[in-house]
């Protein structure tokens, strides 16, 4: 399980140190893809395979399912860590997440997310203000905190 928030930077070549606490769980090779809310999703191979099966099960005849599957898979890239614990993030993904020097790497249960620091701070501030409302809505899903 991935959890926590870490401040890191990305260099001009797209290399970013992955937090040590995440490295073992991600394994030797993992998948980075475009995420929602203008971030990147990072999955260990085992979680990627589960997600892949779920996306394959979506109805091909539904345009929304096709569009989402295209978006998700076309941005995916298998990555490995170098000897310094860095991942080389492809430029199309750097552009998608608007990654610049300062970044935030967070653990979100079965995946890691990589955010631009500026985008993360804006998202976190907005979400924090509506956190109570979101929690109340989750009660409808039989979810207790």
C-alpha atoms as a PDB file:
ATOM      1  CA  UNK A   1       0.000   0.000   0.000  1.00  0.00           C
ATOM      2  CA  UNK A   2       1.284   3.431  -0.948  1.00  0.00           C
ATOM      3  CA  UNK A   3       0.740   6.390   1.363  1.00  0.00           C
ATOM      4  CA  UNK A   4       2.392   9.664   2.258  1.00  0.00           C
ATOM      5  CA  UNK A   5       3.427  12.880   0.547  1.00  0.00           C
ATOM      6  CA  UNK A   6       6.977  13.648  -0.588  1.00  0.00           C
ATOM      7  CA  UNK A   7       8.591  16.716  -2.144  1.00  0.00           C
ATOM      8  CA  UNK A   8      10.958  15.986  -5.033  1.00  0.00           C
ATOM      9  CA  UNK A   9      12.282  17.710  -8.103  1.00  0.00           C
ATOM     10  CA  UNK A  10      12.479  16.748 -11.741  1.00  0.00           C
ATOM     11  CA  UNK A  11      15.536  17.627 -13.799  1.00  0.00           C
ATOM     12  CA  UNK A  12      15.655  18.980 -17.357  1.00  0.00           C
ATOM     13  CA  UNK A  13      15.990  15.412 -18.709  1.00  0.00           C
ATOM     14  CA  UNK A  14      12.755  14.294 -17.033  1.00  0.00           C
ATOM     15  CA  UNK A  15      14.423  12.304 -14.250  1.00  0.00           C
ATOM     16  CA  UNK A  16      12.852  12.247 -10.822  1.00  0.00           C
ATOM     17  CA  UNK A  17      13.841  10.407  -7.659  1.00  0.00           C
ATOM     18  CA  UNK A  18      11.082   8.057  -6.536  1.00  0.00           C
ATOM     19  CA  UNK A  19      10.704   8.048  -2.743  1.00  0.00           C
ATOM     20  CA  UNK A  20      12.610   5.162  -1.158  1.00  0.00           C
ATOM     21  CA  UNK A  21       9.450   3.993   0.616  1.00  0.00           C
ATOM     22  CA  UNK A  22       7.793   3.416  -2.782  1.00  0.00           C
ATOM     23  CA  UNK A  23      10.660   1.800  -4.683  1.00  0.00           C
ATOM     24  CA  UNK A  24      10.397  -1.754  -3.354  1.00  0.00           C
ATOM     25  CA  UNK A  25       6.628  -1.915  -3.822  1.00  0.00           C
ATOM     26  CA  UNK A  26       6.891  -0.555  -7.377  1.00  0.00           C
ATOM     27  CA  UNK A  27       9.407  -3.229  -8.295  1.00  0.00           C
ATOM     28  CA  UNK A  28      12.048  -3.234 -11.005  1.00  0.00           C
ATOM     29  CA  UNK A  29       9.638  -2.186 -13.751  1.00  0.00           C
ATOM     30  CA  UNK A  30       6.413  -0.220 -13.345  1.00  0.00           C
ATOM     31  CA  UNK A  31       3.978   1.759 -15.477  1.00  0.00           C
ATOM     32  CA  UNK A  32       3.516   5.532 -15.577  1.00  0.00           C
ATOM     33  CA  UNK A  33       0.531   6.974 -17.411  1.00  0.00           C
ATOM     34  CA  UNK A  34      -1.622  10.078 -17.667  1.00  0.00           C
ATOM     35  CA  UNK A  35      -3.766  10.371 -14.605  1.00  0.00           C
ATOM     36  CA  UNK A  36      -6.868  12.306 -13.789  1.00  0.00           C
ATOM     37  CA  UNK A  37      -6.860  15.811 -12.301  1.00  0.00           C
ATOM     38  CA  UNK A  38      -3.667  16.737 -14.221  1.00  0.00           C
ATOM     39  CA  UNK A  39      -1.297  14.311 -12.496  1.00  0.00           C
ATOM     40  CA  UNK A  40       0.486  11.092 -13.417  1.00  0.00           C
ATOM     41  CA  UNK A  41      -0.507   7.646 -12.148  1.00  0.00           C
ATOM     42  CA  UNK A  42       2.272   5.166 -11.360  1.00  0.00           C
ATOM     43  CA  UNK A  43       1.383   1.475 -10.975  1.00  0.00           C
ATOM     44  CA  UNK A  44       3.395  -1.581 -10.012  1.00  0.00           C
ATOM     45  CA  UNK A  45       3.070  -4.261 -12.713  1.00  0.00           C
ATOM     46  CA  UNK A  46       0.670  -6.341 -10.589  1.00  0.00           C
ATOM     47  CA  UNK A  47      -1.767  -3.426 -10.177  1.00  0.00           C
ATOM     48  CA  UNK A  48      -1.403  -2.417 -13.822  1.00  0.00           C
ATOM     49  CA  UNK A  49      -2.471  -5.916 -14.913  1.00  0.00           C
ATOM     50  CA  UNK A  50      -5.588  -5.711 -12.724  1.00  0.00           C
ATOM     51  CA  UNK A  51      -6.461  -2.310 -14.155  1.00  0.00           C
ATOM     52  CA  UNK A  52      -5.779  -3.522 -17.685  1.00  0.00           C
ATOM     53  CA  UNK A  53      -8.289  -6.360 -17.235  1.00  0.00           C
ATOM     54  CA  UNK A  54     -10.934  -3.954 -15.932  1.00  0.00           C
ATOM     55  CA  UNK A  55     -10.430  -1.588 -18.861  1.00  0.00           C
ATOM     56  CA  UNK A  56     -10.581  -4.471 -21.343  1.00  0.00           C
ATOM     57  CA  UNK A  57     -13.976  -5.383 -19.888  1.00  0.00           C
ATOM     58  CA  UNK A  58     -15.462  -1.985 -20.740  1.00  0.00           C
ATOM     59  CA  UNK A  59     -18.004  -2.122 -23.582  1.00  0.00           C
ATOM     60  CA  UNK A  60     -16.261  -1.438 -26.894  1.00  0.00           C
ATOM     61  CA  UNK A  61     -19.472  -0.052 -28.373  1.00  0.00           C
ATOM     62  CA  UNK A  62     -19.575   2.850 -25.877  1.00  0.00           C
ATOM     63  CA  UNK A  63     -17.670   5.895 -27.118  1.00  0.00           C
ATOM     64  CA  UNK A  64     -16.823   7.052 -23.579  1.00  0.00           C
ATOM     65  CA  UNK A  65     -15.244   3.676 -22.809  1.00  0.00           C
ATOM     66  CA  UNK A  66     -13.199   3.783 -26.020  1.00  0.00           C
ATOM     67  CA  UNK A  67     -12.081   7.368 -25.369  1.00  0.00           C
ATOM     68  CA  UNK A  68     -11.022   6.676 -21.787  1.00  0.00           C
ATOM     69  CA  UNK A  69      -9.179   3.490 -22.746  1.00  0.00           C
ATOM     70  CA  UNK A  70      -7.342   5.310 -25.549  1.00  0.00           C
ATOM     71  CA  UNK A  71      -6.385   8.180 -23.251  1.00  0.00           C
ATOM     72  CA  UNK A  72      -5.144   5.848 -20.540  1.00  0.00           C
ATOM     73  CA  UNK A  73      -3.178   3.344 -22.629  1.00  0.00           C
ATOM     74  CA  UNK A  74      -1.738   5.747 -25.201  1.00  0.00           C
ATOM     75  CA  UNK A  75      -0.016   7.676 -22.433  1.00  0.00           C
ATOM     76  CA  UNK A  76       1.340   4.601 -20.658  1.00  0.00           C
ATOM     77  CA  UNK A  77       5.049   3.924 -20.489  1.00  0.00           C
ATOM     78  CA  UNK A  78       6.964   1.158 -18.736  1.00  0.00           C
ATOM     79  CA  UNK A  79       9.739   2.598 -16.577  1.00  0.00           C
ATOM     80  CA  UNK A  80      12.640   1.325 -14.529  1.00  0.00           C
ATOM     81  CA  UNK A  81      14.656   2.991 -11.809  1.00  0.00           C
ATOM     82  CA  UNK A  82      18.279   3.902 -12.405  1.00  0.00           C
ATOM     83  CA  UNK A  83      20.995   3.319  -9.794  1.00  0.00           C
ATOM     84  CA  UNK A  84      20.124   6.598  -8.061  1.00  0.00           C
ATOM     85  CA  UNK A  85      16.455   5.596  -7.673  1.00  0.00           C
ATOM     86  CA  UNK A  86      15.266   7.905 -10.454  1.00  0.00           C
ATOM     87  CA  UNK A  87      12.557   7.287 -13.034  1.00  0.00           C
ATOM     88  CA  UNK A  88      12.914   8.836 -16.477  1.00  0.00           C
ATOM     89  CA  UNK A  89       9.489  10.310 -17.190  1.00  0.00           C
ATOM     90  CA  UNK A  90       8.655  10.661 -20.911  1.00  0.00           C
ATOM     91  CA  UNK A  91       8.224  14.239 -22.149  1.00  0.00           C
ATOM     92  CA  UNK A  92       4.565  13.753 -23.156  1.00  0.00           C
ATOM     93  CA  UNK A  93       3.777  12.810 -19.541  1.00  0.00           C
ATOM     94  CA  UNK A  94       5.858  15.696 -18.161  1.00  0.00           C
ATOM     95  CA  UNK A  95       3.794  18.012 -20.376  1.00  0.00           C
ATOM     96  CA  UNK A  96       0.472  16.416 -19.365  1.00  0.00           C
ATOM     97  CA  UNK A  97       1.128  16.966 -15.655  1.00  0.00           C
ATOM     98  CA  UNK A  98       2.821  20.358 -16.185  1.00  0.00           C
ATOM     99  CA  UNK A  99       5.826  19.096 -14.244  1.00  0.00           C
ATOM    100  CA  UNK A 100       8.511  21.641 -13.637  1.00  0.00           C
ATOM    101  CA  UNK A 101      11.307  21.653 -11.104  1.00  0.00           C
ATOM    102  CA  UNK A 102       9.247  21.203  -7.910  1.00  0.00           C
ATOM    103  CA  UNK A 103       6.994  18.163  -7.732  1.00  0.00           C
ATOM    104  CA  UNK A 104       4.955  16.254  -5.173  1.00  0.00           C
ATOM    105  CA  UNK A 105       4.857  12.454  -5.089  1.00  0.00           C
ATOM    106  CA  UNK A 106       1.965  10.956  -3.121  1.00  0.00           C
ATOM    107  CA  UNK A 107       0.883   7.451  -2.226  1.00  0.00           C
ATOM    108  CA  UNK A 108      -2.755   6.629  -2.970  1.00  0.00           C
ATOM    109  CA  UNK A 109      -3.400   3.047  -1.844  1.00  0.00           C
ATOM    110  CA  UNK A 110      -2.593   0.909  -4.923  1.00  0.00           C
ATOM    111  CA  UNK A 111      -0.804   3.604  -6.940  1.00  0.00           C
ATOM    112  CA  UNK A 112       1.578   6.537  -6.712  1.00  0.00           C
ATOM    113  CA  UNK A 113       0.693   9.930  -8.135  1.00  0.00           C
ATOM    114  CA  UNK A 114       3.139  12.560  -9.389  1.00  0.00           C
ATOM    115  CA  UNK A 115       1.987  16.179  -9.331  1.00  0.00           C
ATOM    116  CA  UNK A 116       3.379  19.561 -10.185  1.00  0.00           C
ATOM    117  CA  UNK A 117       3.830  21.255  -6.808  1.00  0.00           C
ATOM    118  CA  UNK A 118       1.763  24.232  -7.943  1.00  0.00           C
ATOM    119  CA  UNK A 119      -1.084  22.071  -9.296  1.00  0.00           C
ATOM    120  CA  UNK A 120      -1.041  19.851  -6.170  1.00  0.00           C
ATOM    121  CA  UNK A 121      -1.228  22.835  -3.797  1.00  0.00           C
ATOM    122  CA  UNK A 122      -4.158  24.287  -5.710  1.00  0.00           C
ATOM    123  CA  UNK A 123      -5.948  20.915  -5.824  1.00  0.00           C
ATOM    124  CA  UNK A 124      -5.281  20.224  -2.129  1.00  0.00           C
ATOM    125  CA  UNK A 125      -6.571  23.654  -1.070  1.00  0.00           C
ATOM    126  CA  UNK A 126      -9.783  23.224  -3.077  1.00  0.00           C
ATOM    127  CA  UNK A 127     -10.291  19.657  -1.850  1.00  0.00           C
ATOM    128  CA  UNK A 128      -9.613  20.546   1.773  1.00  0.00           C
ATOM    129  CA  UNK A 129     -12.417  23.105   1.705  1.00  0.00           C
ATOM    130  CA  UNK A 130     -14.902  20.495   0.471  1.00  0.00           C
ATOM    131  CA  UNK A 131     -13.504  17.523   2.442  1.00  0.00           C
ATOM    132  CA  UNK A 132     -16.471  17.397   4.847  1.00  0.00           C
ATOM    133  CA  UNK A 133     -18.970  17.483   1.968  1.00  0.00           C
ATOM    134  CA  UNK A 134     -17.111  14.691   0.179  1.00  0.00           C
ATOM    135  CA  UNK A 135     -17.072  12.589   3.362  1.00  0.00           C
ATOM    136  CA  UNK A 136     -20.839  13.050   3.750  1.00  0.00           C
ATOM    137  CA  UNK A 137     -21.429  11.901   0.156  1.00  0.00           C
ATOM    138  CA  UNK A 138     -19.334   8.773   0.749  1.00  0.00           C
ATOM    139  CA  UNK A 139     -21.776   7.732   3.486  1.00  0.00           C
ATOM    140  CA  UNK A 140     -24.166   6.950   0.613  1.00  0.00           C
ATOM    141  CA  UNK A 141     -21.688   4.251  -0.437  1.00  0.00           C
ATOM    142  CA  UNK A 142     -21.716   2.597   3.016  1.00  0.00           C
ATOM    143  CA  UNK A 143     -18.282   3.984   3.738  1.00  0.00           C
ATOM    144  CA  UNK A 144     -17.327   4.867   7.292  1.00  0.00           C
ATOM    145  CA  UNK A 145     -14.167   6.679   8.319  1.00  0.00           C
END
